[in-house]
Amino acid sequence: FLAERPVAATGDCVAVGVLSVDDGATAVELGAMPHVDGLSRLGQFTLETEGRVSIRDVHNGEYDSILVEPGKCAVTVWGNDTAEPDVVAFEVRSAVS
């Protein structure tokens, strides 16, 4: 966790710590224009991609994915709580060179 936020990233992955599954489900949205009303920005990252961005759990199970231009993309992570969100939105856009 960086800067007391539940988000960390490498060059090709963003990890978000969320509310424990024992405490309820987490809603996740992925897209170029997700609904972010009422959410706080948890982090902004530039990722290298082969043309697809996906949402996966810690067991590598895929929940959602979108196609993007291969190369770099900008990912902004939004959440309803800055420590343990149970609503998370991933805003994915082409990175500006």
PDB file of N, CA and C in Angstrom:
ATOM      1  N   PHE A   1       0.839  -1.177   0.000  1.00  0.00           N
ATOM      2  CA  PHE A   1       0.000   0.000   0.000  1.00  0.00           C
ATOM      3  C   PHE A   1       0.885   1.242   0.000  1.00  0.00           C
ATOM      4  N   LEU A   2       0.575   2.146  -0.896  1.00  0.00           N
ATOM      5  CA  LEU A   2       1.366   3.353  -1.037  1.00  0.00           C
ATOM      6  C   LEU A   2       0.603   4.541  -0.488  1.00  0.00           C
ATOM      7  N   ALA A   3       1.298   5.371   0.266  1.00  0.00           N
ATOM      8  CA  ALA A   3       0.716   6.606   0.802  1.00  0.00           C
ATOM      9  C   ALA A   3      -0.596   6.344   1.534  1.00  0.00           C
ATOM     10  N   GLU A   4      -0.642   5.243   2.291  1.00  0.00           N
ATOM     11  CA  GLU A   4      -1.815   4.874   3.075  1.00  0.00           C
ATOM     12  C   GLU A   4      -3.061   4.658   2.222  1.00  0.00           C
ATOM     13  N   ARG A   5      -2.872   4.348   0.956  1.00  0.00           N
ATOM     14  CA  ARG A   5      -3.987   4.013   0.067  1.00  0.00           C
ATOM     15  C   ARG A   5      -3.915   2.528  -0.240  1.00  0.00           C
ATOM     16  N   PRO A   6      -5.041   1.896  -0.534  1.00  0.00           N
ATOM     17  CA  PRO A   6      -5.031   0.452  -0.767  1.00  0.00           C
ATOM     18  C   PRO A   6      -4.645   0.071  -2.203  1.00  0.00           C
ATOM     19  N   VAL A   7      -3.844   0.898  -2.869  1.00  0.00           N
ATOM     20  CA  VAL A   7      -3.521   0.668  -4.273  1.00  0.00           C
ATOM     21  C   VAL A   7      -2.009   0.677  -4.463  1.00  0.00           C
ATOM     22  N   ALA A   8      -1.520  -0.273  -5.253  1.00  0.00           N
ATOM     23  CA  ALA A   8      -0.104  -0.322  -5.627  1.00  0.00           C
ATOM     24  C   ALA A   8      -0.040  -0.787  -7.081  1.00  0.00           C
ATOM     25  N   ALA A   9       1.069  -0.478  -7.759  1.00  0.00           N
ATOM     26  CA  ALA A   9       1.171  -0.845  -9.168  1.00  0.00           C
ATOM     27  C   ALA A   9       2.597  -1.203  -9.546  1.00  0.00           C
ATOM     28  N   THR A  10       2.705  -2.046 -10.568  1.00  0.00           N
ATOM     29  CA  THR A  10       3.966  -2.315 -11.256  1.00  0.00           C
ATOM     30  C   THR A  10       3.777  -1.795 -12.675  1.00  0.00           C
ATOM     31  N   GLY A  11       4.671  -2.128 -13.579  1.00  0.00           N
ATOM     32  CA  GLY A  11       4.553  -1.652 -14.950  1.00  0.00           C
ATOM     33  C   GLY A  11       3.394  -2.227 -15.729  1.00  0.00           C
ATOM     34  N   ASP A  12       2.830  -3.367 -15.269  1.00  0.00           N
ATOM     35  CA  ASP A  12       1.734  -3.976 -16.016  1.00  0.00           C
ATOM     36  C   ASP A  12       0.593  -4.479 -15.129  1.00  0.00           C
ATOM     37  N   CYS A  13       0.558  -4.031 -13.875  1.00  0.00           N
ATOM     38  CA  CYS A  13      -0.474  -4.516 -12.957  1.00  0.00           C
ATOM     39  C   CYS A  13      -0.792  -3.455 -11.910  1.00  0.00           C
ATOM     40  N   VAL A  14      -2.080  -3.326 -11.590  1.00  0.00           N
ATOM     41  CA  VAL A  14      -2.528  -2.484 -10.472  1.00  0.00           C
ATOM     42  C   VAL A  14      -3.226  -3.411  -9.486  1.00  0.00           C
ATOM     43  N   ALA A  15      -2.850  -3.335  -8.221  1.00  0.00           N
ATOM     44  CA  ALA A  15      -3.476  -4.142  -7.176  1.00  0.00           C
ATOM     45  C   ALA A  15      -4.236  -3.222  -6.233  1.00  0.00           C
ATOM     46  N   VAL A  16      -5.457  -3.635  -5.883  1.00  0.00           N
ATOM     47  CA  VAL A  16      -6.299  -2.845  -4.985  1.00  0.00           C
ATOM     48  C   VAL A  16      -6.751  -3.733  -3.839  1.00  0.00           C
ATOM     49  N   GLY A  17      -6.438  -3.328  -2.620  1.00  0.00           N
ATOM     50  CA  GLY A  17      -6.956  -4.010  -1.453  1.00  0.00           C
ATOM     51  C   GLY A  17      -8.381  -3.542  -1.208  1.00  0.00           C
ATOM     52  N   VAL A  18      -9.289  -4.485  -1.047  1.00  0.00           N
ATOM     53  CA  VAL A  18     -10.707  -4.149  -0.873  1.00  0.00           C
ATOM     54  C   VAL A  18     -11.223  -4.761   0.425  1.00  0.00           C
ATOM     55  N   LEU A  19     -12.464  -4.465   0.739  1.00  0.00           N
ATOM     56  CA  LEU A  19     -13.124  -5.012   1.909  1.00  0.00           C
ATOM     57  C   LEU A  19     -13.061  -6.537   1.866  1.00  0.00           C
ATOM     58  N   SER A  20     -12.851  -7.160   2.992  1.00  0.00           N
ATOM     59  CA  SER A  20     -12.786  -8.619   3.067  1.00  0.00           C
ATOM     60  C   SER A  20     -14.080  -9.242   2.540  1.00  0.00           C
ATOM     61  N   VAL A  21     -13.939 -10.346   1.813  1.00  0.00           N
ATOM     62  CA  VAL A  21     -15.112 -11.050   1.288  1.00  0.00           C
ATOM     63  C   VAL A  21     -16.030 -11.491   2.426  1.00  0.00           C
ATOM     64  N   ASP A  22     -15.482 -11.726   3.610  1.00  0.00           N
ATOM     65  CA  ASP A  22     -16.298 -12.092   4.769  1.00  0.00           C
ATOM     66  C   ASP A  22     -17.222 -10.963   5.194  1.00  0.00           C
ATOM     67  N   ASP A  23     -16.882  -9.726   4.797  1.00  0.00           N
ATOM     68  CA  ASP A  23     -17.687  -8.563   5.166  1.00  0.00           C
ATOM     69  C   ASP A  23     -18.622  -8.104   4.058  1.00  0.00           C
ATOM     70  N   GLY A  24     -18.614  -8.800   2.913  1.00  0.00           N
ATOM     71  CA  GLY A  24     -19.525  -8.453   1.831  1.00  0.00           C
ATOM     72  C   GLY A  24     -18.831  -8.409   0.485  1.00  0.00           C
ATOM     73  N   ALA A  25     -19.632  -8.273  -0.547  1.00  0.00           N
ATOM     74  CA  ALA A  25     -19.135  -8.249  -1.923  1.00  0.00           C
ATOM     75  C   ALA A  25     -18.532  -6.897  -2.262  1.00  0.00           C
ATOM     76  N   THR A  26     -17.684  -6.892  -3.277  1.00  0.00           N
ATOM     77  CA  THR A  26     -17.111  -5.655  -3.806  1.00  0.00           C
ATOM     78  C   THR A  26     -17.632  -5.460  -5.224  1.00  0.00           C
ATOM     79  N   ALA A  27     -18.156  -4.275  -5.504  1.00  0.00           N
ATOM     80  CA  ALA A  27     -18.630  -3.924  -6.848  1.00  0.00           C
ATOM     81  C   ALA A  27     -17.478  -3.288  -7.602  1.00  0.00           C
ATOM     82  N   VAL A  28     -17.244  -3.742  -8.828  1.00  0.00           N
ATOM     83  CA  VAL A  28     -16.138  -3.243  -9.641  1.00  0.00           C
ATOM     84  C   VAL A  28     -16.655  -2.851 -11.011  1.00  0.00           C
ATOM     85  N   GLU A  29     -16.172  -1.725 -11.520  1.00  0.00           N
ATOM     86  CA  GLU A  29     -16.518  -1.268 -12.862  1.00  0.00           C
ATOM     87  C   GLU A  29     -15.224  -0.955 -13.611  1.00  0.00           C
ATOM     88  N   LEU A  30     -15.180  -1.315 -14.879  1.00  0.00           N
ATOM     89  CA  LEU A  30     -14.010  -1.120 -15.720  1.00  0.00           C
ATOM     90  C   LEU A  30     -14.446  -0.464 -17.011  1.00  0.00           C
ATOM     91  N   GLY A  31     -13.799   0.635 -17.412  1.00  0.00           N
ATOM     92  CA  GLY A  31     -14.157   1.271 -18.671  1.00  0.00           C
ATOM     93  C   GLY A  31     -13.502   2.623 -18.857  1.00  0.00           C
ATOM     94  N   ALA A  32     -13.767   3.219 -20.006  1.00  0.00           N
ATOM     95  CA  ALA A  32     -13.211   4.532 -20.316  1.00  0.00           C
ATOM     96  C   ALA A  32     -13.910   5.640 -19.530  1.00  0.00           C
ATOM     97  N   MET A  33     -15.176   5.429 -19.189  1.00  0.00           N
ATOM     98  CA  MET A  33     -15.936   6.438 -18.453  1.00  0.00           C
ATOM     99  C   MET A  33     -16.800   5.767 -17.383  1.00  0.00           C
ATOM    100  N   PRO A  34     -16.178   5.157 -16.365  1.00  0.00           N
ATOM    101  CA  PRO A  34     -16.987   4.519 -15.320  1.00  0.00           C
ATOM    102  C   PRO A  34     -17.692   5.564 -14.470  1.00  0.00           C
ATOM    103  N   HIS A  35     -18.701   5.115 -13.732  1.00  0.00           N
ATOM    104  CA  HIS A  35     -19.416   6.002 -12.815  1.00  0.00           C
ATOM    105  C   HIS A  35     -18.535   6.248 -11.598  1.00  0.00           C
ATOM    106  N   VAL A  36     -18.130   7.494 -11.387  1.00  0.00           N
ATOM    107  CA  VAL A  36     -17.236   7.812 -10.275  1.00  0.00           C
ATOM    108  C   VAL A  36     -17.840   8.812  -9.296  1.00  0.00           C
ATOM    109  N   ASP A  37     -19.107   9.166  -9.494  1.00  0.00           N
ATOM    110  CA  ASP A  37     -19.752  10.098  -8.571  1.00  0.00           C
ATOM    111  C   ASP A  37     -19.689   9.555  -7.147  1.00  0.00           C
ATOM    112  N   GLY A  38     -19.219  10.371  -6.211  1.00  0.00           N
ATOM    113  CA  GLY A  38     -19.139   9.968  -4.819  1.00  0.00           C
ATOM    114  C   GLY A  38     -17.908   9.139  -4.481  1.00  0.00           C
ATOM    115  N   LEU A  39     -17.054   8.857  -5.470  1.00  0.00           N
ATOM    116  CA  LEU A  39     -15.853   8.061  -5.229  1.00  0.00           C
ATOM    117  C   LEU A  39     -14.633   8.968  -5.129  1.00  0.00           C
ATOM    118  N   SER A  40     -13.629   8.505  -4.417  1.00  0.00           N
ATOM    119  CA  SER A  40     -12.362   9.236  -4.278  1.00  0.00           C
ATOM    120  C   SER A  40     -11.321   8.614  -5.193  1.00  0.00           C
ATOM    121  N   ARG A  41     -10.451   9.450  -5.736  1.00  0.00           N
ATOM    122  CA  ARG A  41      -9.368   8.917  -6.565  1.00  0.00           C
ATOM    123  C   ARG A  41      -8.342   8.273  -5.645  1.00  0.00           C
ATOM    124  N   LEU A  42      -8.078   6.984  -5.877  1.00  0.00           N
ATOM    125  CA  LEU A  42      -7.135   6.231  -5.061  1.00  0.00           C
ATOM    126  C   LEU A  42      -5.746   6.188  -5.668  1.00  0.00           C
ATOM    127  N   GLY A  43      -5.647   6.431  -6.967  1.00  0.00           N
ATOM    128  CA  GLY A  43      -4.344   6.422  -7.618  1.00  0.00           C
ATOM    129  C   GLY A  43      -4.474   6.526  -9.117  1.00  0.00           C
ATOM    130  N   GLN A  44      -3.391   6.956  -9.760  1.00  0.00           N
ATOM    131  CA  GLN A  44      -3.345   7.055 -11.219  1.00  0.00           C
ATOM    132  C   GLN A  44      -2.019   6.463 -11.671  1.00  0.00           C
ATOM    133  N   PHE A  45      -2.078   5.569 -12.667  1.00  0.00           N
ATOM    134  CA  PHE A  45      -0.910   4.810 -13.072  1.00  0.00           C
ATOM    135  C   PHE A  45      -0.834   4.701 -14.589  1.00  0.00           C
ATOM    136  N   THR A  46       0.367   4.491 -15.105  1.00  0.00           N
ATOM    137  CA  THR A  46       0.560   4.197 -16.516  1.00  0.00           C
ATOM    138  C   THR A  46       1.014   2.747 -16.614  1.00  0.00           C
ATOM    139  N   LEU A  47       0.281   1.959 -17.402  1.00  0.00           N
ATOM    140  CA  LEU A  47       0.582   0.541 -17.558  1.00  0.00           C
ATOM    141  C   LEU A  47       0.987   0.236 -18.985  1.00  0.00           C
ATOM    142  N   GLU A  48       1.812  -0.760 -19.143  1.00  0.00           N
ATOM    143  CA  GLU A  48       2.170  -1.298 -20.456  1.00  0.00           C
ATOM    144  C   GLU A  48       1.237  -2.480 -20.710  1.00  0.00           C
ATOM    145  N   THR A  49       0.608  -2.506 -21.890  1.00  0.00           N
ATOM    146  CA  THR A  49      -0.347  -3.563 -22.192  1.00  0.00           C
ATOM    147  C   THR A  49      -0.161  -4.085 -23.612  1.00  0.00           C
ATOM    148  N   GLU A  50      -0.532  -5.321 -23.807  1.00  0.00           N
ATOM    149  CA  GLU A  50      -0.502  -5.927 -25.142  1.00  0.00           C
ATOM    150  C   GLU A  50      -1.811  -5.699 -25.888  1.00  0.00           C
ATOM    151  N   GLY A  51      -2.727  -4.948 -25.280  1.00  0.00           N
ATOM    152  CA  GLY A  51      -3.979  -4.638 -25.946  1.00  0.00           C
ATOM    153  C   GLY A  51      -5.225  -5.046 -25.185  1.00  0.00           C
ATOM    154  N   ARG A  52      -5.055  -5.459 -23.946  1.00  0.00           N
ATOM    155  CA  ARG A  52      -6.207  -5.862 -23.143  1.00  0.00           C
ATOM    156  C   ARG A  52      -5.936  -5.536 -21.684  1.00  0.00           C
ATOM    157  N   VAL A  53      -6.935  -4.965 -21.017  1.00  0.00           N
ATOM    158  CA  VAL A  53      -6.867  -4.693 -19.587  1.00  0.00           C
ATOM    159  C   VAL A  53      -7.964  -5.526 -18.935  1.00  0.00           C
ATOM    160  N   SER A  54      -7.625  -6.246 -17.870  1.00  0.00           N
ATOM    161  CA  SER A  54      -8.614  -7.114 -17.236  1.00  0.00           C
ATOM    162  C   SER A  54      -8.626  -6.934 -15.725  1.00  0.00           C
ATOM    163  N   ILE A  55      -9.758  -7.314 -15.126  1.00  0.00           N
ATOM    164  CA  ILE A  55      -9.937  -7.346 -13.679  1.00  0.00           C
ATOM    165  C   ILE A  55      -9.815  -8.801 -13.263  1.00  0.00           C
ATOM    166  N   ARG A  56      -8.901  -9.068 -12.337  1.00  0.00           N
ATOM    167  CA  ARG A  56      -8.675 -10.434 -11.861  1.00  0.00           C
ATOM    168  C   ARG A  56      -8.607 -10.451 -10.341  1.00  0.00           C
ATOM    169  N   ASP A  57      -8.951 -11.595  -9.766  1.00  0.00           N
ATOM    170  CA  ASP A  57      -8.816 -11.741  -8.319  1.00  0.00           C
ATOM    171  C   ASP A  57      -7.441 -12.327  -7.995  1.00  0.00           C
ATOM    172  N   VAL A  58      -7.171 -12.544  -6.726  1.00  0.00           N
ATOM    173  CA  VAL A  58      -5.853 -13.034  -6.315  1.00  0.00           C
ATOM    174  C   VAL A  58      -5.574 -14.452  -6.806  1.00  0.00           C
ATOM    175  N   HIS A  59      -6.598 -15.164  -7.248  1.00  0.00           N
ATOM    176  CA  HIS A  59      -6.431 -16.514  -7.789  1.00  0.00           C
ATOM    177  C   HIS A  59      -6.351 -16.506  -9.312  1.00  0.00           C
ATOM    178  N   ASN A  60      -6.231 -15.322  -9.898  1.00  0.00           N
ATOM    179  CA  ASN A  60      -6.125 -15.095 -11.342  1.00  0.00           C
ATOM    180  C   ASN A  60      -7.434 -15.363 -12.090  1.00  0.00           C
ATOM    181  N   GLY A  61      -8.538 -15.415 -11.381  1.00  0.00           N
ATOM    182  CA  GLY A  61      -9.845 -15.539 -12.038  1.00  0.00           C
ATOM    183  C   GLY A  61     -10.230 -14.209 -12.661  1.00  0.00           C
ATOM    184  N   GLU A  62     -10.625 -14.231 -13.925  1.00  0.00           N
ATOM    185  CA  GLU A  62     -10.968 -12.996 -14.633  1.00  0.00           C
ATOM    186  C   GLU A  62     -12.443 -12.667 -14.469  1.00  0.00           C
ATOM    187  N   TYR A  63     -12.728 -11.396 -14.156  1.00  0.00           N
ATOM    188  CA  TYR A  63     -14.095 -10.933 -13.967  1.00  0.00           C
ATOM    189  C   TYR A  63     -14.584 -10.038 -15.095  1.00  0.00           C
ATOM    190  N   ASP A  64     -13.684  -9.277 -15.691  1.00  0.00           N
ATOM    191  CA  ASP A  64     -14.062  -8.357 -16.750  1.00  0.00           C
ATOM    192  C   ASP A  64     -12.797  -7.970 -17.505  1.00  0.00           C
ATOM    193  N   SER A  65     -12.953  -7.542 -18.752  1.00  0.00           N
ATOM    194  CA  SER A  65     -11.802  -7.055 -19.515  1.00  0.00           C
ATOM    195  C   SER A  65     -12.283  -6.117 -20.608  1.00  0.00           C
ATOM    196  N   ILE A  66     -11.368  -5.273 -21.073  1.00  0.00           N
ATOM    197  CA  ILE A  66     -11.646  -4.395 -22.196  1.00  0.00           C
ATOM    198  C   ILE A  66     -10.427  -4.393 -23.113  1.00  0.00           C
ATOM    199  N   LEU A  67     -10.675  -4.139 -24.385  1.00  0.00           N
ATOM    200  CA  LEU A  67      -9.594  -4.018 -25.349  1.00  0.00           C
ATOM    201  C   LEU A  67      -9.132  -2.571 -25.399  1.00  0.00           C
ATOM    202  N   VAL A  68      -7.821  -2.389 -25.495  1.00  0.00           N
ATOM    203  CA  VAL A  68      -7.211  -1.067 -25.605  1.00  0.00           C
ATOM    204  C   VAL A  68      -6.129  -1.140 -26.668  1.00  0.00           C
ATOM    205  N   GLU A  69      -5.642   0.012 -27.092  1.00  0.00           N
ATOM    206  CA  GLU A  69      -4.527   0.034 -28.033  1.00  0.00           C
ATOM    207  C   GLU A  69      -3.300  -0.558 -27.343  1.00  0.00           C
ATOM    208  N   PRO A  70      -2.565  -1.447 -28.021  1.00  0.00           N
ATOM    209  CA  PRO A  70      -1.332  -1.965 -27.421  1.00  0.00           C
ATOM    210  C   PRO A  70      -0.370  -0.815 -27.117  1.00  0.00           C
ATOM    211  N   GLY A  71       0.393  -0.976 -26.070  1.00  0.00           N
ATOM    212  CA  GLY A  71       1.330   0.058 -25.640  1.00  0.00           C
ATOM    213  C   GLY A  71       0.982   0.511 -24.243  1.00  0.00           C
ATOM    214  N   LYS A  72       1.024   1.796 -24.023  1.00  0.00           N
ATOM    215  CA  LYS A  72       0.758   2.333 -22.688  1.00  0.00           C
ATOM    216  C   LYS A  72      -0.683   2.818 -22.566  1.00  0.00           C
ATOM    217  N   CYS A  73      -1.238   2.608 -21.380  1.00  0.00           N
ATOM    218  CA  CYS A  73      -2.558   3.148 -21.076  1.00  0.00           C
ATOM    219  C   CYS A  73      -2.513   3.751 -19.681  1.00  0.00           C
ATOM    220  N   ALA A  74      -3.391   4.717 -19.458  1.00  0.00           N
ATOM    221  CA  ALA A  74      -3.512   5.374 -18.159  1.00  0.00           C
ATOM    222  C   ALA A  74      -4.679   4.736 -17.413  1.00  0.00           C
ATOM    223  N   VAL A  75      -4.440   4.358 -16.164  1.00  0.00           N
ATOM    224  CA  VAL A  75      -5.476   3.756 -15.329  1.00  0.00           C
ATOM    225  C   VAL A  75      -5.630   4.603 -14.079  1.00  0.00           C
ATOM    226  N   THR A  76      -6.838   5.120 -13.881  1.00  0.00           N
ATOM    227  CA  THR A  76      -7.171   5.839 -12.654  1.00  0.00           C
ATOM    228  C   THR A  76      -8.087   4.939 -11.844  1.00  0.00           C
ATOM    229  N   VAL A  77      -7.753   4.750 -10.575  1.00  0.00           N
ATOM    230  CA  VAL A  77      -8.534   3.892  -9.691  1.00  0.00           C
ATOM    231  C   VAL A  77      -9.344   4.772  -8.750  1.00  0.00           C
ATOM    232  N   TRP A  78     -10.642   4.511  -8.686  1.00  0.00           N
ATOM    233  CA  TRP A  78     -11.565   5.251  -7.831  1.00  0.00           C
ATOM    234  C   TRP A  78     -12.175   4.291  -6.817  1.00  0.00           C
ATOM    235  N   GLY A  79     -12.478   4.761  -5.619  1.00  0.00           N
ATOM    236  CA  GLY A  79     -13.110   3.907  -4.618  1.00  0.00           C
ATOM    237  C   GLY A  79     -13.966   4.700  -3.652  1.00  0.00           C
ATOM    238  N   ASN A  80     -14.876   3.998  -2.999  1.00  0.00           N
ATOM    239  CA  ASN A  80     -15.780   4.659  -2.051  1.00  0.00           C
ATOM    240  C   ASN A  80     -15.189   4.768  -0.649  1.00  0.00           C
ATOM    241  N   ASP A  81     -13.993   4.204  -0.445  1.00  0.00           N
ATOM    242  CA  ASP A  81     -13.308   4.303   0.839  1.00  0.00           C
ATOM    243  C   ASP A  81     -11.814   4.286   0.548  1.00  0.00           C
ATOM    244  N   THR A  82     -11.045   5.108   1.240  1.00  0.00           N
ATOM    245  CA  THR A  82      -9.612   5.181   0.951  1.00  0.00           C
ATOM    246  C   THR A  82      -8.808   4.107   1.670  1.00  0.00           C
ATOM    247  N   ALA A  83      -9.437   3.293   2.516  1.00  0.00           N
ATOM    248  CA  ALA A  83      -8.730   2.222   3.209  1.00  0.00           C
ATOM    249  C   ALA A  83      -9.182   0.840   2.740  1.00  0.00           C
ATOM    250  N   GLU A  84     -10.503   0.580   2.760  1.00  0.00           N
ATOM    251  CA  GLU A  84     -11.050  -0.714   2.355  1.00  0.00           C
ATOM    252  C   GLU A  84     -12.307  -0.501   1.503  1.00  0.00           C
ATOM    253  N   PRO A  85     -12.134  -0.124   0.255  1.00  0.00           N
ATOM    254  CA  PRO A  85     -13.321   0.129  -0.570  1.00  0.00           C
ATOM    255  C   PRO A  85     -14.083  -1.149  -0.893  1.00  0.00           C
ATOM    256  N   ASP A  86     -15.403  -1.017  -1.035  1.00  0.00           N
ATOM    257  CA  ASP A  86     -16.211  -2.119  -1.556  1.00  0.00           C
ATOM    258  C   ASP A  86     -16.919  -1.703  -2.842  1.00  0.00           C
ATOM    259  N   VAL A  87     -16.599  -0.520  -3.329  1.00  0.00           N
ATOM    260  CA  VAL A  87     -16.984  -0.052  -4.665  1.00  0.00           C
ATOM    261  C   VAL A  87     -15.706   0.513  -5.294  1.00  0.00           C
ATOM    262  N   VAL A  88     -15.294  -0.070  -6.427  1.00  0.00           N
ATOM    263  CA  VAL A  88     -14.065   0.338  -7.094  1.00  0.00           C
ATOM    264  C   VAL A  88     -14.344   0.518  -8.577  1.00  0.00           C
ATOM    265  N   ALA A  89     -13.853   1.609  -9.143  1.00  0.00           N
ATOM    266  CA  ALA A  89     -13.979   1.867 -10.587  1.00  0.00           C
ATOM    267  C   ALA A  89     -12.587   2.063 -11.171  1.00  0.00           C
ATOM    268  N   PHE A  90     -12.351   1.419 -12.310  1.00  0.00           N
ATOM    269  CA  PHE A  90     -11.089   1.555 -13.023  1.00  0.00           C
ATOM    270  C   PHE A  90     -11.358   2.325 -14.310  1.00  0.00           C
ATOM    271  N   GLU A  91     -10.813   3.513 -14.399  1.00  0.00           N
ATOM    272  CA  GLU A  91     -10.956   4.355 -15.590  1.00  0.00           C
ATOM    273  C   GLU A  91      -9.715   4.117 -16.451  1.00  0.00           C
ATOM    274  N   VAL A  92      -9.911   3.589 -17.672  1.00  0.00           N
ATOM    275  CA  VAL A  92      -8.795   3.218 -18.538  1.00  0.00           C
ATOM    276  C   VAL A  92      -8.846   4.053 -19.800  1.00  0.00           C
ATOM    277  N   ARG A  93      -7.734   4.721 -20.101  1.00  0.00           N
ATOM    278  CA  ARG A  93      -7.631   5.566 -21.287  1.00  0.00           C
ATOM    279  C   ARG A  93      -6.264   5.385 -21.932  1.00  0.00           C
ATOM    280  N   SER A  94      -6.156   5.767 -23.178  1.00  0.00           N
ATOM    281  CA  SER A  94      -4.857   5.762 -23.838  1.00  0.00           C
ATOM    282  C   SER A  94      -3.945   6.740 -23.126  1.00  0.00           C
ATOM    283  N   ALA A  95      -2.687   6.352 -22.955  1.00  0.00           N
ATOM    284  CA  ALA A  95      -1.727   7.243 -22.291  1.00  0.00           C
ATOM    285  C   ALA A  95      -1.263   8.300 -23.280  1.00  0.00           C
ATOM    286  N   VAL A  96      -1.106   9.503 -22.789  1.00  0.00           N
ATOM    287  CA  VAL A  96      -0.606  10.589 -23.615  1.00  0.00           C
ATOM    288  C   VAL A  96       0.909  10.479 -23.638  1.00  0.00           C
ATOM    289  N   SER A  97       1.496  10.495 -24.829  1.00  0.00           N
ATOM    290  CA  SER A  97       2.947  10.365 -24.947  1.00  0.00           C
ATOM    291  C   SER A  97       3.653  11.607 -24.498  1.00  0.00           C
TER     292      SER A  97
END
